[in-house]
Amino acid sequence: MSERVPSDHDSVTSYRATIARSGGTTRPCLRLPDEMSDVEDGDVVRLSLDGELFHARVTADSSGHLLRGAYDNKRLARTPGEGTNRLVEWCEKSGRDPGSAVELDELDAGFCYGLRVPGKRTVYTVPDRPNESLSNIAEKFARDE
């Protein structure tokens, strides 16, 4: 059963993050703050944007960790050229350009985060973590394809 949690709840840790440019492109991406220690390069996390949950793959560059996009499912997050980048849509809709500050709310460390405009209160729907043994089986089949 999913849980609803407001961004100003005691259980939510908020980080100041920055919208940056994705490599040499003009596409926005999310630069994760250095103090976020529960994610590693290659992790796929859930990211809530305006109440909708998406999947985002953590990548690393010489400056630290970042999310280059948010996608409708885990497969698209791993192969981002195929799907619509919902993070880019969110940035355009919310007026966040590279260099803009955002609030990144840690809802379930290493699994689920929420992104919002600074000063805006949001209520998130936090999903339950999937059953790990079922996830491992699904990932094995995805690798075998």
Protein backbone atom coordinates (compact mmCIF):
# COMPACT_ATOMS: atom_id res chain seq x y z
CA MET A 1 0.00 0.00 0.00
CA SER A 2 1.43 3.37 -1.01
CA GLU A 3 1.85 6.06 1.60
CA ARG A 4 1.12 9.80 1.17
CA VAL A 5 3.70 12.12 2.69
CA PRO A 6 3.94 15.94 2.52
CA SER A 7 7.28 17.50 1.62
CA ASP A 8 7.46 19.24 5.01
CA HIS A 9 6.95 16.02 7.03
CA ASP A 10 9.62 15.12 9.64
CA SER A 11 10.43 11.88 7.80
CA VAL A 12 11.40 13.74 4.60
CA THR A 13 14.97 14.94 4.15
CA SER A 14 15.20 17.82 1.68
CA TYR A 15 18.35 18.61 -0.29
CA ARG A 16 19.12 21.67 -2.37
CA ALA A 17 19.95 20.43 -5.86
CA THR A 18 20.64 22.15 -9.16
CA ILE A 19 19.37 21.81 -12.69
CA ALA A 20 22.42 21.52 -14.93
CA ARG A 21 23.17 20.88 -18.58
CA SER A 22 23.42 17.27 -19.70
CA GLY A 23 26.97 16.97 -21.03
CA GLY A 24 27.51 19.20 -24.03
CA THR A 25 23.79 19.47 -24.79
CA THR A 26 21.28 22.10 -23.79
CA ARG A 27 18.98 19.47 -22.23
CA PRO A 28 18.52 19.92 -18.49
CA CYS A 29 19.52 17.24 -16.01
CA LEU A 30 19.49 17.08 -12.22
CA ARG A 31 22.82 17.45 -10.40
CA LEU A 32 22.52 15.51 -7.13
CA PRO A 33 23.97 17.08 -3.99
CA ASP A 34 27.23 15.59 -2.67
CA GLU A 35 25.66 14.80 0.73
CA MET A 36 23.33 12.23 -0.87
CA SER A 37 25.19 9.03 -0.07
CA ASP A 38 22.49 6.41 -0.68
CA VAL A 39 22.80 6.33 -4.48
CA GLU A 40 25.51 4.97 -6.74
CA ASP A 41 26.29 5.14 -10.43
CA GLY A 42 23.92 2.77 -12.25
CA ASP A 43 21.15 2.75 -9.62
CA VAL A 44 17.60 3.22 -10.91
CA VAL A 45 15.43 5.24 -8.52
CA ARG A 46 11.85 6.45 -8.52
CA LEU A 47 11.39 10.19 -9.03
CA SER A 48 8.13 12.00 -8.32
CA LEU A 49 7.43 14.98 -10.59
CA ASP A 50 4.18 16.85 -9.86
CA GLY A 51 2.65 13.76 -8.29
CA GLU A 52 3.61 11.29 -11.03
CA LEU A 53 6.25 8.62 -10.46
CA PHE A 54 8.95 7.97 -13.01
CA HIS A 55 12.19 5.98 -13.15
CA ALA A 56 15.60 7.65 -13.33
CA ARG A 57 19.07 6.14 -13.65
CA VAL A 58 21.86 7.62 -11.56
CA THR A 59 24.98 8.40 -13.57
CA ALA A 60 28.28 9.91 -12.56
CA ASP A 61 30.70 12.35 -14.11
CA SER A 62 33.75 14.21 -12.84
CA SER A 63 31.53 16.53 -10.74
CA GLY A 64 29.46 13.84 -9.00
CA HIS A 65 26.13 12.09 -9.46
CA LEU A 66 23.26 13.22 -11.65
CA LEU A 67 19.97 12.18 -13.20
CA ARG A 68 19.96 12.84 -16.94
CA GLY A 69 16.27 12.07 -17.25
CA ALA A 70 13.12 10.51 -15.83
CA TYR A 71 11.18 7.93 -17.81
CA ASP A 72 7.91 6.02 -17.70
CA ASN A 73 9.49 2.68 -16.75
CA LYS A 74 12.75 1.08 -15.64
CA ARG A 75 13.66 -0.22 -19.10
CA LEU A 76 13.39 3.25 -20.64
CA ALA A 77 15.47 4.70 -17.80
CA ARG A 78 18.25 2.25 -18.69
CA THR A 79 17.98 2.99 -22.44
CA PRO A 80 17.02 6.70 -22.44
CA GLY A 81 17.11 7.25 -26.21
CA GLU A 82 13.77 5.49 -26.64
CA GLY A 83 11.34 7.25 -24.29
CA THR A 84 10.10 10.71 -23.45
CA ASN A 85 12.31 12.45 -20.91
CA ARG A 86 9.82 13.57 -18.26
CA LEU A 87 12.49 15.55 -16.38
CA VAL A 88 12.94 17.81 -19.41
CA GLU A 89 9.15 18.27 -19.58
CA TRP A 90 9.00 19.09 -15.86
CA CYS A 91 11.82 21.65 -16.16
CA GLU A 92 10.05 23.39 -19.04
CA LYS A 93 6.68 23.35 -17.27
CA SER A 94 8.09 24.66 -13.98
CA GLY A 95 10.43 27.24 -15.52
CA ARG A 96 13.62 25.55 -14.29
CA ASP A 97 16.62 26.21 -16.53
CA PRO A 98 20.22 25.04 -16.08
CA GLY A 99 21.58 26.83 -13.02
CA SER A 100 18.17 26.88 -11.28
CA ALA A 101 17.88 25.58 -7.73
CA VAL A 102 15.36 22.86 -6.89
CA GLU A 103 14.41 20.89 -3.80
CA LEU A 104 15.06 17.15 -3.91
CA ASP A 105 13.10 15.34 -1.23
CA GLU A 106 14.35 11.97 -0.01
CA LEU A 107 11.22 9.88 0.55
CA ASP A 108 12.84 6.43 0.82
CA ALA A 109 16.65 6.60 0.76
CA GLY A 110 18.15 4.92 -2.27
CA PHE A 111 14.72 4.18 -3.74
CA CYS A 112 12.32 7.13 -4.05
CA TYR A 113 12.76 10.90 -4.33
CA GLY A 114 10.58 13.88 -5.14
CA LEU A 115 11.51 17.01 -7.05
CA ARG A 116 9.88 20.37 -6.48
CA VAL A 117 10.34 24.09 -6.93
CA PRO A 118 11.87 25.69 -3.79
CA GLY A 119 9.24 26.98 -1.38
CA LYS A 120 6.45 24.91 -2.91
CA ARG A 121 4.82 22.31 -0.63
CA THR A 122 4.00 18.99 -2.27
CA VAL A 123 2.29 15.81 -1.12
CA TYR A 124 3.96 12.69 -2.48
CA THR A 125 2.64 9.18 -2.97
CA VAL A 126 5.51 6.94 -1.86
CA PRO A 127 5.34 3.46 -3.37
CA ASP A 128 6.28 0.33 -1.52
CA ARG A 129 9.59 -1.19 -2.49
CA PRO A 130 9.17 -4.15 -4.83
CA ASN A 131 9.76 -7.64 -3.52
CA GLU A 132 13.53 -8.06 -3.97
CA SER A 133 13.43 -11.69 -5.08
CA LEU A 134 10.83 -10.89 -7.76
CA SER A 135 12.86 -7.89 -8.90
CA ASN A 136 15.97 -10.06 -9.23
CA ILE A 137 14.07 -12.55 -11.40
CA ALA A 138 12.68 -9.77 -13.60
CA GLU A 139 16.13 -8.21 -14.02
CA LYS A 140 17.60 -11.57 -15.00
CA PHE A 141 15.00 -11.94 -17.76
CA ALA A 142 15.61 -8.36 -18.92
CA ARG A 143 19.37 -9.05 -19.24
CA ASP A 144 18.73 -12.28 -21.17
CA GLU A 145 16.68 -10.55 -23.88
